[in-house]
């Protein structure tokens, strides 16, 4: 009943569904607070659109219009034109892009890089845009057009109780935002608890969970510094790259001109670079300022690092089997190898990255967005 009333109210507010509204007036909704590190993606996205087109973009942040879990169906049904979709929240609807998100630990395993988040973003976007027709089909079936991904910085353990060894995970309740992290928790004897981002703070404060598996940037982004006083770094690994910040309703996309679609693509390149770089910067700042934030930083031991590396390789077989048998992904083994190759390619492209937003946006534009044909992409 609540969702029906919500959808009806929104439709009345805008006079019609977004899919049939004037194409130049677009509404974007997302569930993230304005203090969150990824909020900069909307600033860059909107600023570029305002300066380079006649599109009027209205953004509703922080769940004011749709929550994190409501946004995808809202885009599909034309309640809003655009929004942020987290495919890991919708495993059945987006199995193929979720395969990429589940492989994020490959960005921190093997050859070490200083910025796994940008590596995973580059590999994810190159895969979905150019190498995964099945991914595109999943989005189309949900009434959406994919316009890019962003990523957190490296995932670590943010806890109300310290994790100083492999054995310390046993019996702990760990919040997981994606299936691979849930398997990690269970592998080491923990209990995975699936919660949306908006419930993490309260769950930690009330002892519903002992740790959350996410970026250190969220110590300030979600104010977790108030309830999670310990951060174990280098044990978990991976990133959360299953974030599509600018997905657009398919009918809205097709109603735009080529020039307008080009502007949205170029704006997305800047937006995903801005947020991904900001995650990297905020996480680094939070670690550097840990004493001021009253957080204890616990570096992973060699034993913890080795145990995680072993888990990652073993989990590749689990991922292949799960996505083939449970989610109906075809040619899973070949797809995993393709994604692994793209991750390695982007490790090379970002080996000498200077850590700046501008250079990352240029790299994403040169390697990916400039190669998308706005007159045909998402139009069939």
Foldseek 3Di string as FASTA:
>chain_A
DVVVVLLVVLCVVVVHFQLPDDLLEFEEEEQFDCLALLVVLVVLLQVLCVVQHSRHYHYDYNCPRHHQVGRLLSQLVRSGFWFKHQCQVPCQLQVPLLLLQLLQQLLPFDDHALFSFLLSQQLSQCCLQPPDPPRQVSQVVSQKAFQGWAWFGKKWKQFLDDDQALQVLAAFEEEDDHDNLQVVSVVSHHHYDYDDPVCVQVCLQVVVGGIYTAFLLCCRSVVNLVRGQEIEPQQATGIRTSMRGTMGRLSSLQVDDLSSLLSSNLSSLLSRLSSSLSSSVSSVVCVVCSVVSNHHYHYHDPNSNVVNNVSSVVCLVVSLVCSVPPNVDPPSVVSVVSSSVSSVVSCVVCRPPPSDSVVSSVVCCVVHSVPDRSVPRSND
